[in-house]
Amino acid sequence: MWKAILEDVFDDFLRFFYPNADDLFDFDKGFGYLDKELEQLFPPEQDTYQPRYVDKLVKVFTQKAGKPIEQWILVHIEVQGYKDPHFAERMFQYYYRIFDKYR
């Protein structure tokens, strides 16, 4: 449910973390939600019956001096509701797999 809510308020989400978001991002281009692409980077492991819940990966277009440019960043969002001793390792895996695919 939080993923659907986040999509509805993602521009405000960025404005919360980046006070100058209107100068940094091109909100007119909208956002690309890449959840399926993220899921493909982390296929289920064989012999594991644990479900894997994919986080939110969003493509956000940037602008420079008010002019749109062909550049975008990926925002990876993870809501952590429990203590996970492997959290740092998992975040590193997300980072390098996303980096390998999208640079």
N, C-alpha and C. Protein backbone atom coordinates (compact mmCIF):
# COMPACT_ATOMS: atom_id res chain seq x y z
N MET A 1 0.80 -1.19 0.00
CA MET A 1 0.00 0.00 0.00
C MET A 1 0.86 1.27 0.00
N TRP A 2 2.00 1.20 0.74
CA TRP A 2 2.84 2.41 0.82
C TRP A 2 3.42 2.77 -0.54
N LYS A 3 3.61 1.78 -1.41
CA LYS A 3 4.17 2.08 -2.73
C LYS A 3 3.19 2.89 -3.57
N ALA A 4 1.91 2.54 -3.50
CA ALA A 4 0.90 3.28 -4.26
C ALA A 4 0.77 4.70 -3.72
N ILE A 5 0.80 4.85 -2.41
CA ILE A 5 0.72 6.19 -1.81
C ILE A 5 1.92 7.02 -2.23
N LEU A 6 3.10 6.40 -2.20
CA LEU A 6 4.32 7.11 -2.57
C LEU A 6 4.25 7.62 -4.01
N GLU A 7 3.70 6.82 -4.91
CA GLU A 7 3.57 7.28 -6.30
C GLU A 7 2.67 8.51 -6.39
N ASP A 8 1.64 8.56 -5.56
CA ASP A 8 0.72 9.69 -5.59
C ASP A 8 1.36 10.98 -5.07
N VAL A 9 2.33 10.87 -4.19
CA VAL A 9 2.91 12.06 -3.55
C VAL A 9 4.42 12.15 -3.77
N PHE A 10 4.92 11.53 -4.84
CA PHE A 10 6.36 11.46 -5.01
C PHE A 10 7.02 12.83 -5.19
N ASP A 11 6.35 13.75 -5.87
CA ASP A 11 6.92 15.09 -6.01
C ASP A 11 7.08 15.75 -4.64
N ASP A 12 6.11 15.59 -3.77
CA ASP A 12 6.23 16.13 -2.41
C ASP A 12 7.30 15.40 -1.61
N PHE A 13 7.44 14.11 -1.85
CA PHE A 13 8.49 13.31 -1.21
C PHE A 13 9.86 13.90 -1.54
N LEU A 14 10.09 14.22 -2.82
CA LEU A 14 11.36 14.81 -3.22
C LEU A 14 11.54 16.20 -2.62
N ARG A 15 10.48 16.95 -2.59
CA ARG A 15 10.56 18.30 -2.00
C ARG A 15 10.89 18.26 -0.51
N PHE A 16 10.45 17.21 0.18
CA PHE A 16 10.76 17.07 1.60
C PHE A 16 12.26 16.87 1.80
N PHE A 17 12.88 16.03 0.97
CA PHE A 17 14.31 15.72 1.13
C PHE A 17 15.22 16.74 0.43
N TYR A 18 14.69 17.40 -0.60
CA TYR A 18 15.47 18.39 -1.35
C TYR A 18 14.69 19.70 -1.36
N PRO A 19 15.02 20.64 -0.48
CA PRO A 19 14.28 21.91 -0.44
C PRO A 19 14.28 22.66 -1.78
N ASN A 20 15.30 22.45 -2.59
CA ASN A 20 15.37 23.10 -3.91
C ASN A 20 14.98 22.13 -5.02
N ALA A 21 14.09 21.20 -4.73
CA ALA A 21 13.69 20.16 -5.69
C ALA A 21 13.14 20.75 -6.99
N ASP A 22 12.43 21.86 -6.90
CA ASP A 22 11.86 22.44 -8.12
C ASP A 22 12.94 22.95 -9.07
N ASP A 23 14.11 23.28 -8.54
CA ASP A 23 15.23 23.69 -9.38
C ASP A 23 16.04 22.49 -9.89
N LEU A 24 16.02 21.41 -9.15
CA LEU A 24 16.82 20.23 -9.50
C LEU A 24 16.13 19.28 -10.47
N PHE A 25 14.83 19.10 -10.30
CA PHE A 25 14.11 18.05 -11.02
C PHE A 25 13.10 18.64 -12.00
N ASP A 26 12.88 17.94 -13.10
CA ASP A 26 11.91 18.34 -14.10
C ASP A 26 10.61 17.59 -13.82
N PHE A 27 9.76 18.16 -12.99
CA PHE A 27 8.52 17.50 -12.59
C PHE A 27 7.54 17.36 -13.76
N ASP A 28 7.69 18.19 -14.79
CA ASP A 28 6.80 18.10 -15.95
C ASP A 28 6.97 16.79 -16.71
N LYS A 29 8.16 16.19 -16.62
CA LYS A 29 8.41 14.92 -17.32
C LYS A 29 7.85 13.73 -16.55
N GLY A 30 7.43 13.97 -15.31
CA GLY A 30 6.89 12.86 -14.52
C GLY A 30 8.00 11.96 -14.01
N PHE A 31 7.62 10.79 -13.59
CA PHE A 31 8.57 9.85 -13.01
C PHE A 31 8.39 8.49 -13.68
N GLY A 32 9.48 7.74 -13.74
CA GLY A 32 9.42 6.38 -14.25
C GLY A 32 9.58 5.42 -13.09
N TYR A 33 8.59 4.58 -12.88
CA TYR A 33 8.65 3.61 -11.78
C TYR A 33 9.20 2.30 -12.33
N LEU A 34 10.34 1.91 -11.83
CA LEU A 34 11.10 0.78 -12.37
C LEU A 34 11.07 -0.42 -11.43
N ASP A 35 9.95 -0.67 -10.79
CA ASP A 35 9.85 -1.78 -9.85
C ASP A 35 10.09 -3.12 -10.53
N LYS A 36 9.55 -3.29 -11.73
CA LYS A 36 9.72 -4.56 -12.45
C LYS A 36 11.18 -4.76 -12.83
N GLU A 37 11.84 -3.68 -13.24
CA GLU A 37 13.26 -3.78 -13.59
C GLU A 37 14.09 -4.14 -12.36
N LEU A 38 13.74 -3.56 -11.22
CA LEU A 38 14.46 -3.88 -9.98
C LEU A 38 14.22 -5.33 -9.59
N GLU A 39 12.99 -5.78 -9.77
CA GLU A 39 12.66 -7.17 -9.45
C GLU A 39 13.48 -8.14 -10.31
N GLN A 40 13.71 -7.79 -11.58
CA GLN A 40 14.50 -8.65 -12.47
C GLN A 40 15.97 -8.72 -12.04
N LEU A 41 16.46 -7.66 -11.39
CA LEU A 41 17.84 -7.68 -10.90
C LEU A 41 18.01 -8.60 -9.70
N PHE A 42 16.90 -8.95 -9.06
CA PHE A 42 16.93 -9.79 -7.87
C PHE A 42 15.92 -10.92 -7.99
N PRO A 43 16.19 -11.88 -8.89
CA PRO A 43 15.24 -12.99 -9.04
C PRO A 43 15.22 -13.84 -7.77
N PRO A 44 14.12 -14.57 -7.56
CA PRO A 44 14.05 -15.42 -6.36
C PRO A 44 15.17 -16.46 -6.37
N GLU A 45 15.71 -16.72 -5.19
CA GLU A 45 16.77 -17.70 -5.09
C GLU A 45 16.16 -19.10 -5.08
N GLN A 46 16.84 -20.03 -5.72
CA GLN A 46 16.34 -21.41 -5.75
C GLN A 46 16.41 -22.00 -4.35
N ASP A 47 15.51 -22.91 -4.07
CA ASP A 47 15.44 -23.60 -2.79
C ASP A 47 15.15 -22.65 -1.63
N THR A 48 14.59 -21.50 -1.93
CA THR A 48 14.22 -20.55 -0.88
C THR A 48 12.73 -20.31 -1.00
N TYR A 49 12.03 -20.51 0.09
CA TYR A 49 10.57 -20.32 0.08
C TYR A 49 10.18 -18.98 0.65
N GLN A 50 11.17 -18.18 0.98
CA GLN A 50 10.92 -16.85 1.51
C GLN A 50 10.54 -15.91 0.38
N PRO A 51 9.43 -15.19 0.50
CA PRO A 51 9.11 -14.22 -0.56
C PRO A 51 10.07 -13.04 -0.49
N ARG A 52 10.36 -12.50 -1.64
CA ARG A 52 11.22 -11.32 -1.70
C ARG A 52 10.35 -10.13 -2.10
N TYR A 53 10.36 -9.12 -1.26
CA TYR A 53 9.57 -7.93 -1.52
C TYR A 53 10.46 -6.88 -2.14
N VAL A 54 10.12 -6.48 -3.33
CA VAL A 54 10.94 -5.52 -4.06
C VAL A 54 10.59 -4.11 -3.60
N ASP A 55 11.62 -3.31 -3.46
CA ASP A 55 11.46 -1.93 -3.02
C ASP A 55 11.03 -1.06 -4.19
N LYS A 56 11.09 0.22 -3.98
CA LYS A 56 10.68 1.18 -5.00
C LYS A 56 11.91 1.75 -5.68
N LEU A 57 11.94 1.71 -7.00
CA LEU A 57 13.01 2.32 -7.79
C LEU A 57 12.34 3.29 -8.75
N VAL A 58 12.76 4.56 -8.69
CA VAL A 58 12.08 5.61 -9.45
C VAL A 58 13.10 6.37 -10.29
N LYS A 59 12.77 6.57 -11.56
CA LYS A 59 13.58 7.39 -12.45
C LYS A 59 13.06 8.82 -12.37
N VAL A 60 13.96 9.75 -12.04
CA VAL A 60 13.62 11.15 -11.88
C VAL A 60 14.47 11.97 -12.84
N PHE A 61 13.83 12.79 -13.65
CA PHE A 61 14.56 13.61 -14.61
C PHE A 61 15.07 14.88 -13.93
N THR A 62 16.26 15.31 -14.33
CA THR A 62 16.87 16.51 -13.76
C THR A 62 16.79 17.66 -14.74
N GLN A 63 17.08 18.84 -14.25
CA GLN A 63 17.15 20.02 -15.10
C GLN A 63 18.28 20.90 -14.57
N LYS A 64 18.78 21.76 -15.43
CA LYS A 64 19.86 22.65 -15.03
C LYS A 64 19.48 24.07 -15.38
N ALA A 65 19.52 24.94 -14.39
CA ALA A 65 19.17 26.36 -14.57
C ALA A 65 17.80 26.51 -15.21
N GLY A 66 16.86 25.64 -14.79
CA GLY A 66 15.50 25.73 -15.30
C GLY A 66 15.29 25.13 -16.67
N LYS A 67 16.36 24.60 -17.29
CA LYS A 67 16.24 23.99 -18.61
C LYS A 67 16.35 22.48 -18.48
N PRO A 68 15.39 21.74 -19.08
CA PRO A 68 15.47 20.28 -19.03
C PRO A 68 16.73 19.77 -19.74
N ILE A 69 17.36 18.79 -19.17
CA ILE A 69 18.51 18.14 -19.80
C ILE A 69 18.25 16.65 -19.83
N GLU A 70 18.87 15.96 -20.75
CA GLU A 70 18.70 14.51 -20.86
C GLU A 70 19.59 13.82 -19.83
N GLN A 71 19.14 13.85 -18.62
CA GLN A 71 19.85 13.19 -17.54
C GLN A 71 18.81 12.80 -16.51
N TRP A 72 19.02 11.66 -15.88
CA TRP A 72 18.10 11.27 -14.83
C TRP A 72 18.84 10.53 -13.74
N ILE A 73 18.24 10.49 -12.58
CA ILE A 73 18.81 9.76 -11.46
C ILE A 73 17.81 8.69 -11.03
N LEU A 74 18.29 7.70 -10.35
CA LEU A 74 17.42 6.67 -9.79
C LEU A 74 17.36 6.86 -8.29
N VAL A 75 16.16 6.82 -7.77
CA VAL A 75 15.94 6.93 -6.33
C VAL A 75 15.47 5.57 -5.85
N HIS A 76 16.24 4.96 -4.97
CA HIS A 76 15.88 3.66 -4.41
C HIS A 76 15.34 3.89 -3.00
N ILE A 77 14.13 3.42 -2.76
CA ILE A 77 13.47 3.63 -1.48
C ILE A 77 13.20 2.29 -0.84
N GLU A 78 13.57 2.18 0.41
CA GLU A 78 13.33 0.96 1.17
C GLU A 78 12.68 1.34 2.48
N VAL A 79 11.54 0.76 2.76
CA VAL A 79 10.90 0.95 4.06
C VAL A 79 11.25 -0.28 4.89
N GLN A 80 11.96 -0.05 5.97
CA GLN A 80 12.45 -1.15 6.80
C GLN A 80 11.60 -1.19 8.07
N GLY A 81 10.82 -2.25 8.24
CA GLY A 81 9.94 -2.36 9.39
C GLY A 81 10.41 -3.35 10.43
N TYR A 82 11.61 -3.89 10.25
CA TYR A 82 12.12 -4.87 11.21
C TYR A 82 13.64 -4.80 11.18
N LYS A 83 14.26 -5.32 12.22
CA LYS A 83 15.72 -5.34 12.28
C LYS A 83 16.24 -6.45 11.37
N ASP A 84 17.12 -6.09 10.48
CA ASP A 84 17.68 -7.04 9.52
C ASP A 84 19.19 -6.99 9.63
N PRO A 85 19.82 -8.04 10.14
CA PRO A 85 21.27 -8.02 10.29
C PRO A 85 22.02 -7.96 8.96
N HIS A 86 21.33 -8.23 7.86
CA HIS A 86 21.97 -8.23 6.54
C HIS A 86 21.57 -7.00 5.72
N PHE A 87 21.00 -6.00 6.37
CA PHE A 87 20.50 -4.82 5.68
C PHE A 87 21.60 -4.11 4.87
N ALA A 88 22.74 -3.84 5.49
CA ALA A 88 23.83 -3.11 4.81
C ALA A 88 24.31 -3.89 3.59
N GLU A 89 24.45 -5.19 3.73
CA GLU A 89 24.89 -6.02 2.60
C GLU A 89 23.87 -5.99 1.47
N ARG A 90 22.59 -6.08 1.83
CA ARG A 90 21.53 -6.05 0.82
C ARG A 90 21.51 -4.71 0.09
N MET A 91 21.68 -3.60 0.81
CA MET A 91 21.71 -2.28 0.18
C MET A 91 22.90 -2.17 -0.77
N PHE A 92 24.03 -2.75 -0.39
CA PHE A 92 25.20 -2.73 -1.27
C PHE A 92 24.91 -3.54 -2.54
N GLN A 93 24.28 -4.69 -2.39
CA GLN A 93 23.92 -5.49 -3.57
C GLN A 93 22.98 -4.71 -4.48
N TYR A 94 21.98 -4.06 -3.91
CA TYR A 94 21.08 -3.23 -4.72
C TYR A 94 21.89 -2.19 -5.48
N TYR A 95 22.77 -1.52 -4.77
CA TYR A 95 23.55 -0.45 -5.39
C TYR A 95 24.36 -0.96 -6.58
N TYR A 96 25.13 -2.03 -6.38
CA TYR A 96 26.01 -2.43 -7.48
C TYR A 96 25.24 -3.05 -8.64
N ARG A 97 24.13 -3.72 -8.38
CA ARG A 97 23.36 -4.26 -9.49
C ARG A 97 22.66 -3.16 -10.28
N ILE A 98 22.15 -2.17 -9.57
CA ILE A 98 21.53 -1.03 -10.25
C ILE A 98 22.59 -0.26 -11.03
N PHE A 99 23.76 -0.08 -10.42
CA PHE A 99 24.85 0.63 -11.10
C PHE A 99 25.27 -0.12 -12.36
N ASP A 100 25.40 -1.45 -12.27
CA ASP A 100 25.79 -2.23 -13.45
C ASP A 100 24.78 -2.07 -14.59
N LYS A 101 23.51 -2.01 -14.26
CA LYS A 101 22.50 -1.92 -15.31
C LYS A 101 22.32 -0.50 -15.85
N TYR A 102 22.34 0.50 -14.98
CA TYR A 102 21.98 1.86 -15.39
C TYR A 102 23.13 2.86 -15.38
N ARG A 103 24.26 2.47 -14.81
CA ARG A 103 25.42 3.37 -14.67
C ARG A 103 25.04 4.59 -13.88
